[in-house]
């Protein structure tokens, strides 16, 4: 059977349509991920100002909000570098389509948990769950 130009276009259009469908699906997934600020959960160490944000939302360290961006954490540490606690912040700027400003719209804040070194520590039947600056465990917080 002899191939005609019409048959070739028909066969090629199916392949092009499938490829175009995959490109459109990829763009939709990328758009939704960008819209919700999807990012792997990450932290970096430092300080960040968020008192000028319009909305400050306190969240839990294990909240689903922590999986949508990178948080900047200001830690209190012991002499050996163990984390005693701290505060982690993620800023979401106001970057709407027609806005020229990039002011802080929302800040997500959570208290960083202490290292679990003293979690089940007891001495003479008294719990000593708090890690101090000198890497010892205490009954009260030692900041």
N, C-alpha and C. Protein backbone atom coordinates (compact mmCIF):
# COMPACT_ATOMS: atom_id res chain seq x y z
N UNK A 1 0.85 -1.18 0.00
CA UNK A 1 0.00 0.00 0.00
C UNK A 1 0.89 1.24 0.00
N UNK A 2 0.53 2.18 -0.78
CA UNK A 2 1.31 3.38 -0.96
C UNK A 2 0.92 4.42 0.09
N UNK A 3 1.94 5.03 0.73
CA UNK A 3 1.68 6.06 1.74
C UNK A 3 1.44 7.39 1.06
N UNK A 4 0.49 8.07 1.57
CA UNK A 4 0.21 9.41 1.04
C UNK A 4 0.55 10.44 2.09
N UNK A 5 0.62 11.67 1.68
CA UNK A 5 0.91 12.76 2.62
C UNK A 5 -0.17 12.85 3.69
N UNK A 6 -1.38 12.56 3.33
CA UNK A 6 -2.50 12.65 4.27
C UNK A 6 -2.34 11.61 5.39
N UNK A 7 -1.91 10.38 5.08
CA UNK A 7 -1.70 9.34 6.09
C UNK A 7 -0.57 9.71 7.04
N UNK A 8 0.49 10.28 6.53
CA UNK A 8 1.62 10.67 7.36
C UNK A 8 1.22 11.74 8.36
N UNK A 9 0.47 12.73 7.91
CA UNK A 9 0.04 13.80 8.82
C UNK A 9 -0.86 13.24 9.90
N UNK A 10 -1.68 12.30 9.57
CA UNK A 10 -2.60 11.74 10.56
C UNK A 10 -1.81 10.97 11.62
N UNK A 11 -0.85 10.16 11.21
CA UNK A 11 -0.06 9.39 12.15
C UNK A 11 0.82 10.34 12.98
N UNK A 12 1.42 11.31 12.41
CA UNK A 12 2.27 12.26 13.12
C UNK A 12 1.48 13.12 14.09
N UNK A 13 0.24 13.43 13.75
CA UNK A 13 -0.55 14.28 14.64
C UNK A 13 -0.89 13.56 15.93
N UNK A 14 -1.04 12.24 15.89
CA UNK A 14 -1.29 11.48 17.12
C UNK A 14 -0.10 11.50 18.05
N UNK A 15 1.08 11.35 17.49
CA UNK A 15 2.30 11.40 18.29
C UNK A 15 2.54 12.81 18.83
N UNK A 16 2.30 13.80 17.99
CA UNK A 16 2.47 15.19 18.42
C UNK A 16 1.44 15.55 19.49
N UNK A 17 0.23 15.03 19.34
CA UNK A 17 -0.81 15.28 20.34
C UNK A 17 -0.46 14.68 21.69
N UNK A 18 0.10 13.48 21.69
CA UNK A 18 0.53 12.85 22.94
C UNK A 18 1.65 13.61 23.60
N UNK A 19 2.61 14.06 22.79
CA UNK A 19 3.71 14.85 23.32
C UNK A 19 3.22 16.19 23.86
N UNK A 20 2.31 16.82 23.12
CA UNK A 20 1.74 18.09 23.57
C UNK A 20 0.95 17.89 24.87
N UNK A 21 0.25 16.77 24.99
CA UNK A 21 -0.48 16.47 26.23
C UNK A 21 0.45 16.32 27.42
N UNK A 22 1.59 15.65 27.21
CA UNK A 22 2.57 15.51 28.29
C UNK A 22 3.17 16.85 28.70
N UNK A 23 3.44 17.71 27.73
CA UNK A 23 3.99 19.03 28.03
C UNK A 23 2.97 19.85 28.82
N UNK A 24 1.71 19.80 28.41
CA UNK A 24 0.66 20.55 29.11
C UNK A 24 0.48 20.00 30.53
N UNK A 25 0.48 18.68 30.69
CA UNK A 25 0.36 18.08 32.03
C UNK A 25 1.53 18.50 32.92
N UNK A 26 2.75 18.50 32.37
CA UNK A 26 3.91 18.95 33.14
C UNK A 26 3.80 20.40 33.56
N UNK A 27 3.31 21.25 32.66
CA UNK A 27 3.13 22.67 33.00
C UNK A 27 2.07 22.87 34.08
N UNK A 28 1.01 22.08 34.02
CA UNK A 28 -0.04 22.17 35.04
C UNK A 28 0.51 21.76 36.41
N UNK A 29 1.25 20.65 36.46
CA UNK A 29 1.84 20.20 37.72
C UNK A 29 2.82 21.22 38.26
N UNK A 30 3.67 21.76 37.39
CA UNK A 30 4.63 22.79 37.80
C UNK A 30 3.91 24.03 38.32
N UNK A 31 2.82 24.44 37.65
CA UNK A 31 2.06 25.61 38.07
C UNK A 31 1.42 25.42 39.43
N UNK A 32 0.84 24.26 39.66
CA UNK A 32 0.22 23.99 40.96
C UNK A 32 1.28 23.95 42.05
N UNK A 33 2.41 23.31 41.78
CA UNK A 33 3.49 23.25 42.77
C UNK A 33 4.02 24.64 43.08
N UNK A 34 4.15 25.48 42.06
CA UNK A 34 4.62 26.86 42.28
C UNK A 34 3.60 27.68 43.04
N UNK A 35 2.33 27.46 42.72
CA UNK A 35 1.26 28.20 43.39
C UNK A 35 1.26 27.95 44.88
N UNK A 36 1.47 26.71 45.28
CA UNK A 36 1.48 26.37 46.69
C UNK A 36 2.86 26.46 47.31
N UNK A 37 3.85 26.90 46.56
CA UNK A 37 5.19 27.07 47.09
C UNK A 37 5.85 25.76 47.46
N UNK A 38 5.52 24.68 46.73
CA UNK A 38 6.06 23.38 47.08
C UNK A 38 7.57 23.37 46.97
N UNK A 39 8.17 22.88 47.97
CA UNK A 39 9.61 22.76 48.04
C UNK A 39 9.89 21.66 49.05
N UNK A 40 11.01 21.02 48.96
CA UNK A 40 11.35 20.04 49.98
C UNK A 40 11.55 20.77 51.31
N UNK A 41 11.38 20.04 52.37
CA UNK A 41 11.56 20.64 53.69
C UNK A 41 13.04 20.86 53.91
N UNK A 42 13.40 22.09 54.19
CA UNK A 42 14.79 22.39 54.44
C UNK A 42 14.92 23.46 55.51
N UNK A 43 16.06 23.50 56.15
CA UNK A 43 16.34 24.54 57.11
C UNK A 43 17.74 25.07 56.86
N UNK A 44 17.91 26.32 57.17
CA UNK A 44 19.24 26.91 57.17
C UNK A 44 19.36 27.69 58.47
N UNK A 45 20.56 27.91 58.89
CA UNK A 45 20.78 28.58 60.17
C UNK A 45 21.01 30.06 59.96
N UNK A 46 20.38 30.87 60.79
CA UNK A 46 20.53 32.32 60.72
C UNK A 46 19.38 33.00 61.44
N UNK A 47 19.28 34.30 61.25
CA UNK A 47 18.18 35.05 61.84
C UNK A 47 17.43 35.76 60.72
N UNK A 48 16.17 35.99 60.95
CA UNK A 48 15.34 36.65 59.96
C UNK A 48 14.30 37.51 60.67
N UNK A 49 14.09 38.71 60.17
CA UNK A 49 13.09 39.62 60.74
C UNK A 49 11.73 39.33 60.11
N UNK A 50 10.71 39.22 60.92
CA UNK A 50 9.38 38.98 60.39
C UNK A 50 8.32 39.83 61.07
N UNK A 51 8.73 40.82 61.86
CA UNK A 51 7.75 41.64 62.59
C UNK A 51 6.97 42.58 61.67
N UNK A 52 7.37 42.76 60.41
CA UNK A 52 6.64 43.60 59.49
C UNK A 52 5.66 42.80 58.60
N UNK A 53 5.54 41.52 58.84
CA UNK A 53 4.62 40.68 58.06
C UNK A 53 3.18 40.96 58.45
N UNK A 54 2.30 40.91 57.47
CA UNK A 54 0.89 41.16 57.74
C UNK A 54 0.25 40.06 58.58
N UNK A 55 0.73 38.83 58.41
CA UNK A 55 0.15 37.71 59.13
C UNK A 55 1.28 36.84 59.66
N UNK A 56 1.23 36.50 60.95
CA UNK A 56 2.21 35.62 61.56
C UNK A 56 1.46 34.39 62.06
N UNK A 57 1.83 33.24 61.54
CA UNK A 57 1.13 32.01 61.87
C UNK A 57 2.08 31.10 62.65
N UNK A 58 1.70 30.76 63.88
CA UNK A 58 2.45 29.84 64.72
C UNK A 58 2.05 28.42 64.33
N UNK A 59 3.02 27.59 64.00
CA UNK A 59 2.75 26.21 63.63
C UNK A 59 3.57 25.27 64.52
N UNK A 60 3.27 23.99 64.42
CA UNK A 60 4.01 22.97 65.16
C UNK A 60 5.18 22.48 64.30
N UNK A 61 6.27 22.02 64.93
CA UNK A 61 7.43 21.56 64.16
C UNK A 61 7.11 20.41 63.20
N UNK A 62 6.10 19.61 63.52
CA UNK A 62 5.74 18.48 62.66
C UNK A 62 4.52 18.78 61.79
N UNK A 63 4.15 20.04 61.66
CA UNK A 63 3.00 20.45 60.85
C UNK A 63 3.28 20.24 59.37
N UNK A 64 2.22 20.05 58.58
CA UNK A 64 2.38 19.88 57.14
C UNK A 64 2.90 21.16 56.49
N UNK A 65 2.75 22.30 57.15
CA UNK A 65 3.25 23.56 56.60
C UNK A 65 4.78 23.56 56.48
N UNK A 66 5.45 22.76 57.30
CA UNK A 66 6.91 22.75 57.27
C UNK A 66 7.45 22.07 56.02
N UNK A 67 6.62 21.37 55.27
CA UNK A 67 7.09 20.68 54.07
C UNK A 67 6.98 21.53 52.81
N UNK A 68 6.60 22.78 52.94
CA UNK A 68 6.39 23.62 51.76
C UNK A 68 7.38 24.77 51.68
N UNK A 69 8.60 24.57 52.08
CA UNK A 69 9.58 25.62 51.93
C UNK A 69 10.76 25.47 52.87
N UNK A 70 11.68 26.38 52.75
CA UNK A 70 12.87 26.37 53.57
C UNK A 70 12.70 27.35 54.73
N UNK A 71 13.00 26.89 55.92
CA UNK A 71 12.90 27.71 57.12
C UNK A 71 14.29 28.16 57.54
N UNK A 72 14.37 29.37 58.09
CA UNK A 72 15.61 29.90 58.64
C UNK A 72 15.49 29.79 60.15
N UNK A 73 16.44 29.10 60.79
CA UNK A 73 16.35 28.81 62.22
C UNK A 73 17.44 29.53 63.00
N UNK A 74 17.04 30.12 64.12
CA UNK A 74 17.95 30.75 65.06
C UNK A 74 17.99 29.85 66.29
N UNK A 75 19.06 29.08 66.42
CA UNK A 75 19.17 28.08 67.48
C UNK A 75 19.96 28.58 68.68
N UNK A 76 19.61 28.04 69.85
CA UNK A 76 20.45 28.15 71.04
C UNK A 76 21.15 26.80 71.14
N UNK A 77 22.48 26.83 71.27
CA UNK A 77 23.24 25.58 71.27
C UNK A 77 24.09 25.45 72.52
N UNK A 78 24.44 24.21 72.82
CA UNK A 78 25.33 23.92 73.95
C UNK A 78 26.77 24.14 73.51
N UNK A 79 27.69 23.94 74.43
CA UNK A 79 29.11 24.08 74.12
C UNK A 79 29.56 23.12 73.01
N UNK A 80 28.98 21.94 72.99
CA UNK A 80 29.38 20.95 71.98
C UNK A 80 28.57 21.07 70.68
N UNK A 81 27.62 22.00 70.63
CA UNK A 81 26.85 22.21 69.41
C UNK A 81 25.50 21.53 69.37
N UNK A 82 25.08 20.90 70.48
CA UNK A 82 23.74 20.30 70.54
C UNK A 82 22.69 21.41 70.57
N UNK A 83 21.58 21.21 69.89
CA UNK A 83 20.51 22.21 69.85
C UNK A 83 19.70 22.15 71.14
N UNK A 84 19.62 23.30 71.85
CA UNK A 84 18.82 23.41 73.07
C UNK A 84 17.42 23.90 72.77
N UNK A 85 17.21 24.50 71.63
CA UNK A 85 15.92 25.07 71.24
C UNK A 85 16.16 26.19 70.25
N UNK A 86 15.12 26.86 69.88
CA UNK A 86 15.26 27.98 68.96
C UNK A 86 13.95 28.27 68.25
N UNK A 87 14.05 29.11 67.24
CA UNK A 87 12.87 29.52 66.50
C UNK A 87 13.18 29.45 65.01
N UNK A 88 12.25 28.87 64.25
CA UNK A 88 12.41 28.74 62.80
C UNK A 88 11.30 29.53 62.10
N UNK A 89 11.68 30.25 61.04
CA UNK A 89 10.75 31.15 60.35
C UNK A 89 10.84 30.93 58.85
N UNK A 90 9.69 30.95 58.20
CA UNK A 90 9.61 30.95 56.74
C UNK A 90 8.77 32.14 56.33
N UNK A 91 9.29 32.95 55.42
CA UNK A 91 8.61 34.16 54.95
C UNK A 91 8.00 33.88 53.59
N UNK A 92 6.74 34.33 53.41
CA UNK A 92 6.09 34.29 52.10
C UNK A 92 5.83 35.73 51.71
N UNK A 93 6.47 36.17 50.64
CA UNK A 93 6.33 37.55 50.19
C UNK A 93 5.08 37.74 49.35
N UNK A 94 4.58 38.97 49.32
CA UNK A 94 3.45 39.33 48.49
C UNK A 94 3.98 39.59 47.09
N UNK A 95 3.80 38.64 46.23
CA UNK A 95 4.31 38.80 44.87
C UNK A 95 3.19 38.49 43.89
N UNK A 96 2.11 39.24 44.00
CA UNK A 96 0.99 39.04 43.10
C UNK A 96 1.38 39.48 41.69
N UNK A 97 0.55 39.12 40.74
CA UNK A 97 0.85 39.34 39.33
C UNK A 97 1.06 40.81 38.99
N UNK A 98 0.26 41.70 39.55
CA UNK A 98 0.33 43.12 39.19
C UNK A 98 0.98 43.98 40.27
N UNK A 99 1.68 43.36 41.20
CA UNK A 99 2.30 44.09 42.29
C UNK A 99 3.79 44.29 42.02
N UNK A 100 4.28 45.48 42.32
CA UNK A 100 5.71 45.75 42.19
C UNK A 100 6.45 45.54 43.51
N UNK A 101 5.72 45.44 44.60
CA UNK A 101 6.36 45.28 45.90
C UNK A 101 6.57 43.80 46.21
N UNK A 102 7.47 43.54 47.10
CA UNK A 102 7.68 42.17 47.58
C UNK A 102 7.67 42.20 49.10
N UNK A 103 6.64 42.84 49.65
CA UNK A 103 6.51 42.94 51.10
C UNK A 103 6.13 41.59 51.69
N UNK A 104 6.45 41.42 52.94
CA UNK A 104 6.16 40.17 53.63
C UNK A 104 4.66 40.05 53.86
N UNK A 105 4.08 39.00 53.33
CA UNK A 105 2.66 38.75 53.51
C UNK A 105 2.41 37.85 54.71
N UNK A 106 3.13 36.75 54.80
CA UNK A 106 2.90 35.76 55.84
C UNK A 106 4.23 35.21 56.35
N UNK A 107 4.29 35.02 57.65
CA UNK A 107 5.45 34.37 58.27
C UNK A 107 4.95 33.13 59.00
N UNK A 108 5.53 31.98 58.69
CA UNK A 108 5.25 30.74 59.40
C UNK A 108 6.36 30.55 60.42
N UNK A 109 5.99 30.38 61.69
CA UNK A 109 6.97 30.33 62.78
C UNK A 109 6.71 29.08 63.63
N UNK A 110 7.79 28.38 63.98
CA UNK A 110 7.67 27.29 64.95
C UNK A 110 8.89 27.26 65.85
N UNK A 111 8.67 26.72 67.04
CA UNK A 111 9.75 26.59 68.01
C UNK A 111 10.51 25.30 67.72
N UNK A 112 11.81 25.43 67.52
CA UNK A 112 12.64 24.26 67.23
C UNK A 112 12.78 23.42 68.49
N UNK A 113 12.58 22.13 68.39
CA UNK A 113 12.71 21.28 69.58
C UNK A 113 14.17 21.07 69.96
N UNK A 114 14.39 20.78 71.23
CA UNK A 114 15.74 20.51 71.73
C UNK A 114 16.18 19.12 71.28
N UNK A 115 17.47 18.93 71.25
CA UNK A 115 18.02 17.61 70.95
C UNK A 115 17.52 16.62 72.01
N UNK A 116 17.21 15.39 71.62
CA UNK A 116 16.61 14.44 72.57
C UNK A 116 17.59 13.80 73.54
N UNK A 117 18.71 14.45 73.81
CA UNK A 117 19.74 13.89 74.69
C UNK A 117 19.20 13.63 76.09
N UNK A 118 18.40 14.54 76.61
CA UNK A 118 17.92 14.43 78.00
C UNK A 118 16.47 13.95 78.09
N UNK A 119 15.93 13.42 77.03
CA UNK A 119 14.51 13.08 76.97
C UNK A 119 14.05 12.19 78.13
N UNK A 120 14.71 11.10 78.38
CA UNK A 120 14.31 10.16 79.44
C UNK A 120 15.31 10.14 80.58
N UNK A 121 15.99 11.24 80.83
CA UNK A 121 17.03 11.28 81.85
C UNK A 121 16.43 11.53 83.23
N UNK A 122 16.71 10.64 84.16
CA UNK A 122 16.29 10.81 85.55
C UNK A 122 17.49 10.56 86.46
N UNK A 123 17.51 11.32 87.57
CA UNK A 123 18.55 11.13 88.59
C UNK A 123 17.84 11.08 89.94
N UNK A 124 18.02 9.99 90.66
CA UNK A 124 17.39 9.79 91.97
C UNK A 124 15.87 9.93 91.89
N UNK A 125 15.27 9.45 90.80
CA UNK A 125 13.82 9.49 90.64
C UNK A 125 13.27 10.83 90.19
N UNK A 126 14.13 11.83 89.94
CA UNK A 126 13.69 13.16 89.50
C UNK A 126 14.05 13.31 88.02
N UNK A 127 13.08 13.75 87.22
CA UNK A 127 13.33 13.92 85.79
C UNK A 127 14.22 15.14 85.54
N UNK A 128 15.17 14.99 84.66
CA UNK A 128 16.07 16.06 84.23
C UNK A 128 15.99 16.14 82.70
N UNK A 129 14.87 16.65 82.16
CA UNK A 129 14.65 16.59 80.71
C UNK A 129 15.25 17.74 79.90
N UNK A 130 15.82 18.76 80.55
CA UNK A 130 16.28 19.94 79.82
C UNK A 130 17.79 19.96 79.67
N UNK A 131 18.22 20.19 78.45
CA UNK A 131 19.65 20.26 78.14
C UNK A 131 20.17 21.65 78.42
N UNK A 132 21.28 21.74 79.15
CA UNK A 132 21.88 23.03 79.48
C UNK A 132 23.05 23.36 78.59
N UNK A 133 23.55 24.57 78.70
CA UNK A 133 24.67 25.05 77.88
C UNK A 133 25.92 24.20 78.06
N UNK A 134 26.08 23.65 79.27
CA UNK A 134 27.26 22.84 79.57
C UNK A 134 27.08 21.37 79.22
N UNK A 135 26.07 21.04 78.40
CA UNK A 135 25.76 19.68 77.95
C UNK A 135 25.31 18.75 79.06
N UNK A 136 24.89 19.31 80.19
CA UNK A 136 24.33 18.52 81.29
C UNK A 136 22.81 18.62 81.24
N UNK A 137 22.13 17.67 81.87
CA UNK A 137 20.68 17.66 81.91
C UNK A 137 20.17 18.26 83.21
N UNK A 138 19.13 19.10 83.13
CA UNK A 138 18.62 19.83 84.30
C UNK A 138 17.11 19.64 84.42
N UNK A 139 16.59 20.00 85.62
CA UNK A 139 15.15 19.94 85.85
C UNK A 139 14.44 21.16 85.29
N UNK A 140 15.15 22.27 85.10
CA UNK A 140 14.57 23.49 84.56
C UNK A 140 15.35 23.90 83.31
N UNK A 141 14.73 24.69 82.46
CA UNK A 141 15.40 25.19 81.27
C UNK A 141 16.58 26.09 81.64
N UNK A 142 17.73 25.89 81.01
CA UNK A 142 18.94 26.62 81.32
C UNK A 142 19.42 27.42 80.10
N UNK A 143 18.73 28.47 79.74
CA UNK A 143 19.16 29.27 78.57
C UNK A 143 20.13 30.34 78.97
